[in-house]
Amino acid sequence: MNEDFRKSPPAPLAPKPFNVPKPFETFLSNGLKVVILEDNRLPIVSFRLAFRVGEINDPIDTRGLTSALASMLTQGTNLRTSRALAEEVERLGASLHASSSSDNTRISASALAIYGFDILKLMADVVLNPAFPEQELDLYRRNTIKSLQFQRSQADFLAHEQTAKIVYGTHPYGVISPTPAEVEKITREKLVAFHRHILVPDNAIIIAVGNINRTGLLDELNTLFGNWQKGNIEWTNFPALPVRSEKTLTIVDRPGSAQSNIVLANPAINRNHPDYFPVLVMNQILGAGASSRLFMNLREEKGYTYGAYSSFDTRRHAGAFEATAEVRTPVTGEALKEFFYELERIRTEEVLAQDLEDAKSYLTGVFPIRAETQEGLTNLIVAQQLYKLPEDYLQTYREKINGVSIADVKRVAKTYLMPDKLAIVIVGDAEEILQQAKPFAAKIDVFDTEGKPVDISKYGKATTAPTVNATGKWNLILEFQGQKLPVSLNLKQEGDQLTGSLNSMFGSGEISEGKVNGNKLKAVANTEIQGQTIELSLNATIDSDVMKGTINADNPGFPTVNFEGEKAVSN
């Protein structure tokens, strides 16, 4: 048999038609918009009640109120306790939950079609009659504050906290989470008043997709929501975004971090911008996936990271471009160099016709997959309605993608990628990365993990402390999740180099890449915790026979841990 056919992949099949019927739209007398798409392929139904208000509409003195409101809607009503509500949803084999984002608030529900009206009644109850019980609110506050405290141990959160502040300035998009003090200010009285003010029918859309009888549904919607009173939302004029005129470098210092979390960002387009489709195609070529340029360069060719990506965060009022990667600390500067290389390349050189065709093929091919499930189709319609996209948005999506040209890609790259005005944000060990990153920006700021400014002059100084001898066994106590856990280090020092082992109740590990500088030491320990291999970074100071420091890992969910201990007395 001739094996030549194995030398090249088969030609792609002709694209299949993608036909999404336009949904039926109407309004109730109180202004509630109703969107219905009858889809009888499966005996299920999905509902979304969506509001064009989100976390940017929080009162200035109570940030976090919208998120709290969404979370508390399903925690009990005037007719049902939280437990009774959960049991009724479970009895129907249905789902019911609420969520908020920066721009919008949504209540989502789904069920078998025979229980469609039952879950719709529960949706109406949580929206119209929330009780905001004090006991559930107190639990929400405590859990949220714990979550906020945990966030500060995560490099990704710290990077995006600084990025949002820099790109969006005083615009509400510049705040990505409330503080614990702001959460403490949330009261039942504030939730009741805020609920009455923002969850109103004339700023809402209810979307129903699935095995639905349109006439019966409209009757039920009038019964459940017809007496809902109109509101009077006063829309805020948000401040303009800062005008960027130069590159800036912001470092969040995490001493001992084995990785640098890099974000490069600049202001870009909002969701309904006319350049949305050319930007989508351009970004697919640049960094949206594992075959894009950033990934192929920084991971496949250079091996600096497990993944490098770019994205456009397009929101209602503004948007931002971001390029991101988590790289090994020693190659932070080289990684930045490759980021800037790829940004300049796509701005100044025309992309290859094959690259453009591949990007279009991916985007037009994956879009119908997103609409294959009822939930996926429902979410596409919700986004279309919330952001007031054209009526034929879903029907013409692939046509708009295929209409993007090589010239369009270069044009939007030059317009919306701004290498000379980028905000460079890096979370990592400032002592190790500052000198590497300095050449990329004249304006440099350093912060600690609490967001407080740090004097940049403290870095890069030669230690004046005499070199210690760390050789020996060290008995340490780690403060981990409210517990004090014993850990031992067995160290061997030769010159300024350090090796040894780490032993704890979680497991053991070998210490490598250890170095002593005066009375400071840094090292890496590879260990196994709960079946997962983790690289721990140790950063410590030795004063006589006392060692103090931190251990951290750049794995999600692993916080920075403080430790202190003494050198064991040798026999």
Protein backbone atom coordinates (compact mmCIF):
# COMPACT_ATOMS: atom_id res chain seq x y z
CA MET A 1 0.00 0.00 0.00
CA ASN A 2 1.23 3.50 -0.83
CA GLU A 3 1.92 5.30 2.49
CA ASP A 4 2.20 8.80 1.01
CA PHE A 5 -1.20 9.71 2.42
CA ARG A 6 0.33 9.69 5.90
CA LYS A 7 2.65 12.58 5.06
CA SER A 8 0.00 15.28 5.21
CA PRO A 9 -3.21 15.74 7.20
CA PRO A 10 -6.54 15.26 5.46
CA ALA A 11 -8.25 18.31 4.04
CA PRO A 12 -10.85 19.85 6.36
CA LEU A 13 -14.50 19.12 5.71
CA ALA A 14 -16.70 21.83 4.28
CA PRO A 15 -18.18 24.00 7.05
CA LYS A 16 -21.62 22.97 8.19
CA PRO A 17 -24.40 25.54 8.22
CA PHE A 18 -24.97 27.16 11.57
CA ASN A 19 -28.55 28.23 11.86
CA VAL A 20 -29.75 29.86 15.05
CA PRO A 21 -33.30 31.12 14.75
CA LYS A 22 -33.91 34.63 15.99
CA PRO A 23 -35.69 34.55 19.34
CA PHE A 24 -39.10 36.05 20.03
CA GLU A 25 -38.95 39.34 21.97
CA THR A 26 -41.60 41.32 23.81
CA PHE A 27 -42.07 43.43 26.95
CA LEU A 28 -44.32 43.17 29.96
CA SER A 29 -46.25 46.29 30.95
CA ASN A 30 -43.65 47.13 33.66
CA GLY A 31 -40.81 47.22 31.13
CA LEU A 32 -39.40 43.72 31.75
CA LYS A 33 -37.98 42.51 28.45
CA VAL A 34 -38.82 38.91 27.54
CA VAL A 35 -36.70 36.87 25.11
CA ILE A 36 -37.89 33.37 24.20
CA LEU A 37 -36.14 30.82 21.99
CA GLU A 38 -38.09 27.62 21.56
CA ASP A 39 -35.73 24.66 21.25
CA ASN A 40 -37.48 21.31 21.48
CA ARG A 41 -34.48 19.05 20.89
CA LEU A 42 -34.34 18.15 24.61
CA PRO A 43 -36.99 18.16 27.37
CA ILE A 44 -35.22 20.85 29.39
CA VAL A 45 -35.53 24.58 29.85
CA SER A 46 -33.06 27.28 30.90
CA PHE A 47 -33.93 30.69 32.37
CA ARG A 48 -31.81 33.77 32.95
CA LEU A 49 -33.00 36.93 34.65
CA ALA A 50 -30.29 39.48 33.91
CA PHE A 51 -29.80 43.06 35.02
CA ARG A 52 -27.53 45.68 33.43
CA VAL A 53 -26.05 46.60 36.79
CA GLY A 54 -22.98 45.08 38.37
CA GLU A 55 -20.19 45.61 40.84
CA ILE A 56 -19.19 48.94 39.27
CA ASN A 57 -22.54 50.23 40.54
CA ASP A 58 -21.62 49.58 44.17
CA PRO A 59 -22.03 52.61 46.45
CA ILE A 60 -18.65 54.23 46.98
CA ASP A 61 -18.90 53.72 50.75
CA THR A 62 -19.95 50.03 50.51
CA ARG A 63 -17.94 48.24 47.87
CA GLY A 64 -18.90 44.59 47.61
CA LEU A 65 -22.63 45.27 48.05
CA THR A 66 -23.65 43.96 44.61
CA SER A 67 -21.71 40.74 45.10
CA ALA A 68 -23.24 40.32 48.56
CA LEU A 69 -26.72 40.96 47.17
CA ALA A 70 -26.30 38.29 44.49
CA SER A 71 -24.97 35.76 46.98
CA MET A 72 -27.73 36.43 49.50
CA LEU A 73 -30.67 36.19 47.07
CA THR A 74 -30.75 32.41 47.34
CA GLN A 75 -30.18 32.33 51.12
CA GLY A 76 -33.82 32.59 52.09
CA THR A 77 -36.98 34.49 51.15
CA ASN A 78 -40.03 35.74 53.01
CA LEU A 79 -41.71 32.44 52.12
CA ARG A 80 -38.85 29.94 52.34
CA THR A 81 -35.77 29.49 54.51
CA SER A 82 -32.42 28.88 52.86
CA ARG A 83 -32.71 25.18 53.63
CA ALA A 84 -36.30 24.90 52.38
CA LEU A 85 -35.35 26.65 49.15
CA ALA A 86 -32.37 24.34 48.58
CA GLU A 87 -34.47 21.25 49.29
CA GLU A 88 -37.17 22.34 46.86
CA VAL A 89 -34.62 22.95 44.09
CA GLU A 90 -33.08 19.55 44.80
CA ARG A 91 -36.51 17.86 44.73
CA LEU A 92 -37.04 19.23 41.21
CA GLY A 93 -33.61 18.06 40.09
CA ALA A 94 -33.07 21.66 39.04
CA SER A 95 -30.49 24.39 39.56
CA LEU A 96 -30.91 27.94 40.84
CA HIS A 97 -28.15 30.40 41.62
CA ALA A 98 -27.28 34.08 41.36
CA SER A 99 -24.02 35.82 40.50
CA SER A 100 -22.60 39.22 39.70
CA SER A 101 -19.78 40.56 37.55
CA SER A 102 -18.38 44.03 37.02
CA ASP A 103 -21.15 44.92 34.52
CA ASN A 104 -24.12 42.64 35.21
CA THR A 105 -26.09 40.63 37.74
CA ARG A 106 -27.74 37.32 36.79
CA ILE A 107 -30.10 34.80 38.30
CA SER A 108 -29.83 31.46 36.50
CA ALA A 109 -32.14 28.46 36.62
CA SER A 110 -32.63 25.26 34.67
CA ALA A 111 -34.89 22.21 35.00
CA LEU A 112 -36.69 19.52 33.09
CA ALA A 113 -39.41 21.08 30.99
CA ILE A 114 -42.16 19.47 33.11
CA TYR A 115 -40.81 21.44 36.10
CA GLY A 116 -40.17 24.65 34.15
CA PHE A 117 -42.90 26.68 35.82
CA ASP A 118 -41.92 25.32 39.26
CA ILE A 119 -38.34 26.56 38.99
CA LEU A 120 -39.59 29.82 37.48
CA LYS A 121 -41.72 30.38 40.61
CA LEU A 122 -38.67 29.85 42.81
CA MET A 123 -36.68 32.28 40.65
CA ALA A 124 -39.42 34.89 41.09
CA ASP A 125 -39.45 34.30 44.84
CA VAL A 126 -35.71 34.88 45.33
CA VAL A 127 -35.75 38.01 43.15
CA LEU A 128 -38.92 39.63 44.49
CA ASN A 129 -38.97 38.45 48.14
CA PRO A 130 -35.43 37.98 49.48
CA ALA A 131 -35.30 38.00 53.29
CA PHE A 132 -31.54 38.60 53.77
CA PRO A 133 -31.59 36.75 57.11
CA GLU A 134 -29.04 38.07 59.62
CA GLN A 135 -27.62 34.61 60.35
CA GLU A 136 -26.89 33.93 56.67
CA LEU A 137 -25.50 37.44 56.20
CA ASP A 138 -23.11 36.99 59.13
CA LEU A 139 -21.90 33.72 57.61
CA TYR A 140 -21.44 35.44 54.23
CA ARG A 141 -19.35 38.22 55.78
CA ARG A 142 -17.11 35.79 57.65
CA ASN A 143 -16.57 33.52 54.64
CA THR A 144 -15.92 36.46 52.32
CA ILE A 145 -13.34 37.99 54.64
CA LYS A 146 -11.54 34.64 54.90
CA SER A 147 -11.56 34.41 51.11
CA LEU A 148 -10.18 37.94 50.75
CA GLN A 149 -7.36 37.13 53.16
CA PHE A 150 -6.53 34.01 51.16
CA GLN A 151 -6.54 36.00 47.89
CA ARG A 152 -3.63 38.08 49.09
CA SER A 153 -1.46 34.96 49.12
CA GLN A 154 -2.14 34.33 45.42
CA ALA A 155 0.23 35.87 42.89
CA ASP A 156 -2.41 36.01 40.16
CA PHE A 157 -4.72 38.12 42.34
CA LEU A 158 -1.90 40.49 43.33
CA ALA A 159 -0.91 40.97 39.69
CA HIS A 160 -4.42 41.77 38.50
CA GLU A 161 -5.10 44.02 41.50
CA GLN A 162 -2.23 46.28 40.48
CA THR A 163 -3.00 45.99 36.77
CA ALA A 164 -6.59 47.13 37.26
CA LYS A 165 -5.51 50.12 39.35
CA ILE A 166 -2.99 51.22 36.75
CA VAL A 167 -5.08 50.72 33.60
CA TYR A 168 -8.46 51.90 34.92
CA GLY A 169 -7.39 54.45 37.53
CA THR A 170 -10.35 55.87 39.48
CA HIS A 171 -12.90 54.17 37.23
CA PRO A 172 -14.74 51.45 39.20
CA TYR A 173 -13.13 48.82 36.97
CA GLY A 174 -9.94 49.69 38.86
CA VAL A 175 -11.17 47.83 41.96
CA ILE A 176 -11.31 44.04 41.65
CA SER A 177 -12.45 43.21 45.19
CA PRO A 178 -13.62 44.93 48.38
CA THR A 179 -11.52 45.11 51.50
CA PRO A 180 -12.41 43.19 54.68
CA ALA A 181 -13.38 46.51 56.29
CA GLU A 182 -15.82 47.23 53.45
CA VAL A 183 -17.36 43.77 53.78
CA GLU A 184 -17.90 44.40 57.49
CA LYS A 185 -20.00 47.46 56.56
CA ILE A 186 -22.57 45.37 54.66
CA THR A 187 -25.80 45.27 56.67
CA ARG A 188 -29.24 43.84 56.09
CA GLU A 189 -30.69 47.36 55.87
CA LYS A 190 -28.24 48.26 53.09
CA LEU A 191 -29.09 45.08 51.18
CA VAL A 192 -32.85 45.73 51.43
CA ALA A 193 -32.49 49.30 50.16
CA PHE A 194 -30.02 48.36 47.42
CA HIS A 195 -32.19 45.47 46.24
CA ARG A 196 -35.19 47.78 45.94
CA HIS A 197 -33.10 50.30 44.02
CA ILE A 198 -31.23 48.23 41.41
CA LEU A 199 -33.25 45.05 40.80
CA VAL A 200 -36.06 46.63 38.83
CA PRO A 201 -37.98 45.24 35.82
CA ASP A 202 -37.33 48.13 33.43
CA ASN A 203 -33.59 47.38 33.63
CA ALA A 204 -33.96 43.60 33.34
CA ILE A 205 -34.24 40.90 30.70
CA ILE A 206 -35.63 37.43 31.22
CA ILE A 207 -34.38 34.90 28.69
CA ALA A 208 -35.99 31.48 28.28
CA VAL A 209 -34.50 28.78 26.06
CA GLY A 210 -35.72 25.22 25.61
CA ASN A 211 -38.82 23.08 25.39
CA ILE A 212 -41.25 25.92 25.97
CA ASN A 213 -44.82 26.79 25.06
CA ARG A 214 -44.54 30.50 24.32
CA THR A 215 -48.15 31.41 25.13
CA GLY A 216 -48.16 29.49 28.40
CA LEU A 217 -44.83 30.99 29.42
CA LEU A 218 -45.97 34.56 28.76
CA ASP A 219 -49.06 33.97 30.89
CA GLU A 220 -46.89 32.60 33.70
CA LEU A 221 -44.44 35.51 33.45
CA ASN A 222 -47.30 38.01 33.70
CA THR A 223 -48.60 36.19 36.77
CA LEU A 224 -45.23 36.04 38.52
CA PHE A 225 -43.65 39.35 37.46
CA GLY A 226 -46.53 41.51 36.26
CA ASN A 227 -46.92 43.40 39.57
CA TRP A 228 -43.20 44.08 39.91
CA GLN A 229 -42.93 47.85 40.20
CA LYS A 230 -40.76 49.92 37.87
CA GLY A 231 -37.69 51.61 39.31
CA ASN A 232 -35.73 54.78 38.78
CA ILE A 233 -32.03 53.99 38.43
CA GLU A 234 -29.75 57.02 38.35
CA TRP A 235 -26.88 56.11 36.04
CA THR A 236 -23.42 57.21 37.13
CA ASN A 237 -21.07 59.06 34.81
CA PHE A 238 -17.87 57.14 35.41
CA PRO A 239 -14.50 58.92 35.21
CA ALA A 240 -12.38 58.55 32.09
CA LEU A 241 -9.49 56.11 32.07
CA PRO A 242 -5.99 57.50 32.68
CA VAL A 243 -4.12 58.58 29.56
CA ARG A 244 -0.92 56.58 29.34
CA SER A 245 2.18 58.28 27.94
CA GLU A 246 5.00 55.89 28.88
CA LYS A 247 5.87 52.37 29.94
CA THR A 248 5.73 51.74 33.67
CA LEU A 249 7.04 48.91 35.81
CA THR A 250 5.22 47.82 38.96
CA ILE A 251 6.62 45.01 41.11
CA VAL A 252 4.75 43.30 43.94
CA ASP A 253 7.45 41.87 46.16
CA ARG A 254 7.06 38.25 47.30
CA PRO A 255 10.47 37.40 48.78
CA GLY A 256 11.68 33.94 47.89
CA SER A 257 9.18 33.40 45.09
CA ALA A 258 10.40 30.84 42.56
CA GLN A 259 8.33 32.38 39.76
CA SER A 260 7.55 35.78 38.34
CA ASN A 261 3.92 36.41 37.40
CA ILE A 262 4.05 38.83 34.49
CA VAL A 263 1.18 40.94 33.18
CA LEU A 264 1.59 43.47 30.35
CA ALA A 265 -1.48 45.65 29.90
CA ASN A 266 -2.89 48.74 28.21
CA PRO A 267 -6.40 50.18 27.70
CA ALA A 268 -8.27 48.75 24.69
CA ILE A 269 -11.81 48.32 23.34
CA ASN A 270 -15.19 47.83 24.98
CA ARG A 271 -17.51 44.92 24.13
CA ASN A 272 -19.56 46.47 21.34
CA HIS A 273 -16.70 48.23 19.57
CA PRO A 274 -16.78 47.95 15.75
CA ASP A 275 -13.24 46.52 15.76
CA TYR A 276 -14.24 43.58 17.98
CA PHE A 277 -13.95 40.92 15.27
CA PRO A 278 -10.59 42.06 13.80
CA VAL A 279 -9.23 42.25 17.37
CA LEU A 280 -10.51 38.73 18.08
CA VAL A 281 -8.70 37.33 15.03
CA MET A 282 -5.51 39.28 15.71
CA ASN A 283 -5.40 38.06 19.30
CA GLN A 284 -5.95 34.46 18.20
CA ILE A 285 -2.74 34.73 16.19
CA LEU A 286 -0.85 36.55 18.94
CA GLY A 287 -1.67 34.69 22.12
CA ALA A 288 -5.15 33.24 22.60
CA GLY A 289 -4.17 29.58 22.44
CA ALA A 290 -1.48 26.91 22.57
CA SER A 291 -0.61 27.37 18.88
CA SER A 292 -0.37 31.16 19.10
CA ARG A 293 2.87 33.11 18.83
CA LEU A 294 3.44 33.91 22.50
CA PHE A 295 2.94 30.29 23.56
CA MET A 296 5.15 28.92 20.79
CA ASN A 297 7.91 31.39 21.59
CA LEU A 298 8.06 31.52 25.39
CA ARG A 299 7.12 27.89 26.05
CA GLU A 300 7.92 25.73 23.04
CA GLU A 301 11.06 27.53 21.83
CA LYS A 302 12.50 29.12 24.97
CA GLY A 303 11.07 26.91 27.75
CA TYR A 304 10.57 29.87 30.09
CA THR A 305 7.03 28.95 31.17
CA TYR A 306 4.23 26.40 31.00
CA GLY A 307 2.12 28.88 29.05
CA ALA A 308 2.08 32.47 27.72
CA TYR A 309 -1.14 34.04 26.54
CA SER A 310 -2.85 37.28 25.59
CA SER A 311 -6.46 38.41 25.83
CA PHE A 312 -8.78 41.38 25.47
CA ASP A 313 -11.04 41.99 28.47
CA THR A 314 -13.97 43.74 26.76
CA ARG A 315 -16.53 45.20 29.13
CA ARG A 316 -19.50 47.57 28.76
CA HIS A 317 -17.70 50.87 29.34
CA ALA A 318 -14.05 50.08 28.61
CA GLY A 319 -11.61 47.26 28.08
CA ALA A 320 -7.99 46.23 28.34
CA PHE A 321 -5.38 44.17 26.53
CA GLU A 322 -3.33 41.79 28.66
CA ALA A 323 -0.42 39.46 27.94
CA THR A 324 0.46 37.08 30.77
CA ALA A 325 2.87 34.34 31.80
CA GLU A 326 4.34 32.75 34.91
CA VAL A 327 8.06 32.32 34.31
CA ARG A 328 11.04 31.11 36.30
CA THR A 329 12.54 33.98 38.27
CA PRO A 330 15.99 33.87 36.61
CA VAL A 331 14.49 34.38 33.12
CA THR A 332 12.14 37.27 33.95
CA GLY A 333 14.11 39.77 31.88
CA GLU A 334 14.47 37.42 28.93
CA ALA A 335 10.74 36.66 29.01
CA LEU A 336 9.93 40.38 28.89
CA LYS A 337 12.24 40.72 25.90
CA GLU A 338 10.32 38.02 24.01
CA PHE A 339 6.95 39.55 24.91
CA PHE A 340 8.01 42.88 23.42
CA TYR A 341 9.45 41.14 20.37
CA GLU A 342 6.14 39.44 19.59
CA LEU A 343 4.12 42.60 20.21
CA GLU A 344 6.30 44.59 17.82
CA ARG A 345 6.31 41.80 15.23
CA ILE A 346 2.53 41.61 14.89
CA ARG A 347 2.31 45.43 14.80
CA THR A 348 4.93 45.95 12.11
CA GLU A 349 4.84 42.82 9.95
CA GLU A 350 1.93 41.43 7.97
CA VAL A 351 0.81 38.06 9.28
CA LEU A 352 1.13 35.06 6.99
CA ALA A 353 -1.97 34.11 5.02
CA GLN A 354 -1.85 30.62 6.55
CA ASP A 355 -1.75 32.06 10.10
CA LEU A 356 -4.78 34.18 9.32
CA GLU A 357 -6.62 31.23 7.82
CA ASP A 358 -5.82 29.02 10.82
CA ALA A 359 -7.10 31.66 13.25
CA LYS A 360 -10.33 32.11 11.30
CA SER A 361 -10.82 28.37 11.02
CA TYR A 362 -10.47 27.93 14.76
CA LEU A 363 -12.79 30.79 15.70
CA THR A 364 -15.50 29.87 13.21
CA GLY A 365 -15.20 26.19 14.12
CA VAL A 366 -15.39 26.57 17.88
CA PHE A 367 -18.30 29.03 17.86
CA PRO A 368 -21.01 26.49 16.93
CA ILE A 369 -19.65 24.15 19.62
CA ARG A 370 -20.39 26.82 22.22
CA ALA A 371 -24.02 26.78 21.08
CA GLU A 372 -24.42 22.99 20.95
CA THR A 373 -25.68 22.74 24.52
CA GLN A 374 -28.74 24.57 25.73
CA GLU A 375 -26.74 26.26 28.50
CA GLY A 376 -24.15 27.43 25.99
CA LEU A 377 -26.76 28.81 23.61
CA THR A 378 -28.55 30.52 26.50
CA ASN A 379 -25.34 32.23 27.62
CA LEU A 380 -24.66 33.49 24.09
CA ILE A 381 -28.13 35.04 23.92
CA VAL A 382 -27.69 36.57 27.38
CA ALA A 383 -24.42 38.25 26.34
CA GLN A 384 -26.04 39.49 23.13
CA GLN A 385 -28.88 41.08 25.08
CA LEU A 386 -26.86 42.52 27.96
CA TYR A 387 -24.31 44.23 25.72
CA LYS A 388 -26.90 45.30 23.13
CA LEU A 389 -25.14 43.51 20.29
CA PRO A 390 -26.77 43.51 16.83
CA GLU A 391 -29.89 41.41 16.38
CA ASP A 392 -28.09 39.21 13.83
CA TYR A 393 -24.93 38.85 15.97
CA LEU A 394 -25.18 35.07 16.35
CA GLN A 395 -26.27 34.51 12.75
CA THR A 396 -23.45 36.61 11.23
CA TYR A 397 -20.64 35.75 13.67
CA ARG A 398 -18.76 33.44 11.29
CA GLU A 399 -19.28 35.83 8.40
CA LYS A 400 -17.74 38.69 10.40
CA ILE A 401 -14.74 36.53 11.36
CA ASN A 402 -14.16 35.41 7.77
CA GLY A 403 -14.30 39.02 6.62
CA VAL A 404 -11.16 40.00 8.56
CA SER A 405 -8.19 40.68 6.29
CA ILE A 406 -4.40 40.71 6.74
CA ALA A 407 -4.56 44.51 6.62
CA ASP A 408 -7.22 44.52 9.36
CA VAL A 409 -4.99 42.44 11.64
CA LYS A 410 -2.06 44.81 11.23
CA ARG A 411 -4.28 47.88 11.66
CA VAL A 412 -5.84 46.77 14.97
CA ALA A 413 -2.49 45.51 16.26
CA LYS A 414 -0.95 48.94 15.68
CA THR A 415 -3.98 50.64 17.23
CA TYR A 416 -4.65 48.54 20.34
CA LEU A 417 -1.23 47.09 21.22
CA MET A 418 0.88 49.85 22.77
CA PRO A 419 4.38 48.54 23.62
CA ASP A 420 5.66 52.05 24.38
CA LYS A 421 2.81 52.71 26.85
CA LEU A 422 2.40 49.32 28.51
CA ALA A 423 1.87 48.80 32.20
CA ILE A 424 4.33 46.05 33.20
CA VAL A 425 3.25 44.34 36.41
CA ILE A 426 5.35 41.56 37.95
CA VAL A 427 4.68 39.64 41.14
CA GLY A 428 7.78 37.91 42.45
CA ASP A 429 11.00 38.30 44.39
CA ALA A 430 11.86 41.97 43.85
CA GLU A 431 15.47 41.45 44.92
CA GLU A 432 15.93 38.94 42.11
CA ILE A 433 13.85 40.51 39.33
CA LEU A 434 14.32 44.26 39.74
CA GLN A 435 17.66 44.42 37.94
CA GLN A 436 16.32 42.21 35.15
CA ALA A 437 13.21 44.33 34.59
CA LYS A 438 14.71 47.82 35.07
CA PRO A 439 15.75 48.30 31.42
CA PHE A 440 12.14 48.02 30.24
CA ALA A 441 10.71 51.12 31.97
CA ALA A 442 11.93 54.39 33.46
CA LYS A 443 9.10 54.71 35.99
CA ILE A 444 9.30 51.96 38.63
CA ASP A 445 7.18 51.29 41.71
CA VAL A 446 7.42 48.46 44.23
CA PHE A 447 4.64 47.33 46.59
CA ASP A 448 4.31 44.66 49.24
CA THR A 449 1.54 42.05 49.11
CA GLU A 450 -0.77 44.34 51.11
CA GLY A 451 -0.50 47.00 48.40
CA LYS A 452 1.73 49.32 50.45
CA PRO A 453 4.58 51.15 48.68
CA VAL A 454 8.12 49.93 49.31
CA ASP A 455 11.24 52.08 49.02
CA ILE A 456 13.01 50.86 45.88
CA SER A 457 16.41 51.85 47.31
CA LYS A 458 16.33 48.89 49.73
CA TYR A 459 16.97 46.45 46.88
CA GLY A 460 20.27 45.55 45.29
CA LYS A 461 22.39 46.45 48.28
CA ALA A 462 25.28 44.23 49.31
CA THR A 463 24.69 42.78 52.75
CA THR A 464 26.84 44.13 55.56
CA ALA A 465 26.11 41.24 57.88
CA PRO A 466 28.89 38.65 58.32
CA THR A 467 28.37 35.38 56.50
CA VAL A 468 26.72 32.83 58.76
CA ASN A 469 27.29 29.10 58.87
CA ALA A 470 23.91 27.46 58.26
CA THR A 471 25.24 23.89 58.45
CA GLY A 472 23.33 21.70 60.85
CA LYS A 473 19.83 20.68 61.84
CA TRP A 474 17.18 23.37 62.33
CA ASN A 475 13.94 22.71 64.18
CA LEU A 476 11.29 25.05 62.84
CA ILE A 477 7.61 25.78 63.54
CA LEU A 478 5.36 26.71 60.61
CA GLU A 479 2.19 28.76 61.11
CA PHE A 480 -0.16 27.02 58.68
CA GLN A 481 -3.96 27.62 58.61
CA GLY A 482 -4.06 28.44 62.31
CA GLN A 483 -1.88 25.49 63.30
CA LYS A 484 1.75 25.28 64.39
CA LEU A 485 3.46 22.50 62.49
CA PRO A 486 6.98 21.14 63.13
CA VAL A 487 9.47 21.07 60.24
CA SER A 488 13.14 20.21 60.27
CA LEU A 489 15.90 21.37 57.93
CA ASN A 490 19.17 19.53 57.59
CA LEU A 491 21.59 21.89 55.85
CA LYS A 492 25.13 21.63 54.57
CA GLN A 493 26.96 24.80 53.56
CA GLU A 494 30.05 24.99 51.37
CA GLY A 495 31.12 28.57 50.79
CA ASP A 496 27.92 30.40 49.86
CA GLN A 497 26.27 27.25 48.43
CA LEU A 498 23.63 25.34 50.37
CA THR A 499 22.22 21.81 50.06
CA GLY A 500 20.28 19.52 52.34
CA SER A 501 16.82 18.16 53.07
CA LEU A 502 13.43 19.20 54.46
CA ASN A 503 11.23 16.94 56.60
CA SER A 504 7.66 17.56 57.74
CA MET A 505 4.44 15.70 58.49
CA PHE A 506 3.47 16.26 54.85
CA GLY A 507 6.58 14.64 53.40
CA SER A 508 10.28 15.07 52.71
CA GLY A 509 12.19 16.91 50.03
CA GLU A 510 15.67 17.69 48.78
CA ILE A 511 17.01 21.24 49.00
CA SER A 512 18.71 22.67 45.94
CA GLU A 513 19.69 26.03 44.50
CA GLY A 514 20.52 27.16 48.05
CA LYS A 515 22.60 30.25 48.57
CA VAL A 516 23.82 32.17 51.63
CA ASN A 517 24.42 35.92 51.45
CA GLY A 518 25.57 37.33 54.76
CA ASN A 519 22.90 36.30 57.26
CA LYS A 520 20.27 35.64 54.57
CA LEU A 521 19.60 32.38 52.79
CA LYS A 522 17.44 31.32 49.87
CA ALA A 523 16.76 27.80 48.68
CA VAL A 524 14.32 25.62 46.77
CA ALA A 525 12.88 22.39 48.19
CA ASN A 526 11.01 19.89 46.02
CA THR A 527 8.56 17.89 48.09
CA GLU A 528 5.31 15.99 47.75
CA ILE A 529 2.17 17.20 49.56
CA GLN A 530 -1.03 15.13 49.34
CA GLY A 531 0.26 13.33 46.25
CA GLN A 532 1.20 16.53 44.44
CA THR A 533 4.81 17.51 43.72
CA ILE A 534 5.39 21.09 44.87
CA GLU A 535 8.42 23.34 44.56
CA LEU A 536 8.81 25.35 47.77
CA SER A 537 10.84 28.54 48.01
CA LEU A 538 12.57 29.23 51.33
CA ASN A 539 13.60 32.75 52.25
CA ALA A 540 15.14 33.22 55.70
CA THR A 541 17.31 35.32 57.96
CA ILE A 542 19.66 33.79 60.56
CA ASP A 543 20.48 35.64 63.77
CA SER A 544 22.87 33.60 65.88
CA ASP A 545 21.07 30.26 66.28
CA VAL A 546 17.60 31.58 65.35
CA MET A 547 16.12 31.30 61.86
CA LYS A 548 13.05 33.27 60.71
CA GLY A 549 11.51 33.39 57.27
CA THR A 550 8.82 32.33 54.84
CA ILE A 551 8.03 29.36 52.67
CA ASN A 552 5.87 29.78 49.60
CA ALA A 553 4.92 27.95 46.46
CA ASP A 554 3.45 29.37 43.29
CA ASN A 555 0.87 26.58 43.17
CA PRO A 556 -2.73 27.80 43.38
CA GLY A 557 -4.10 27.39 46.87
CA PHE A 558 -0.75 27.42 48.67
CA PRO A 559 -0.36 30.55 50.83
CA THR A 560 2.87 32.12 52.02
CA VAL A 561 3.76 30.46 55.35
CA ASN A 562 5.83 32.07 58.10
CA PHE A 563 8.26 29.99 60.14
CA GLU A 564 10.66 30.42 63.04
CA GLY A 565 12.98 28.06 64.84
CA GLU A 566 16.35 27.29 66.34
CA LYS A 567 19.42 25.33 65.46
CA ALA A 568 19.55 21.97 67.20
CA VAL A 569 22.29 21.58 69.77
CA SER A 570 24.85 19.09 68.49
CA ASN A 571 25.91 16.30 70.84
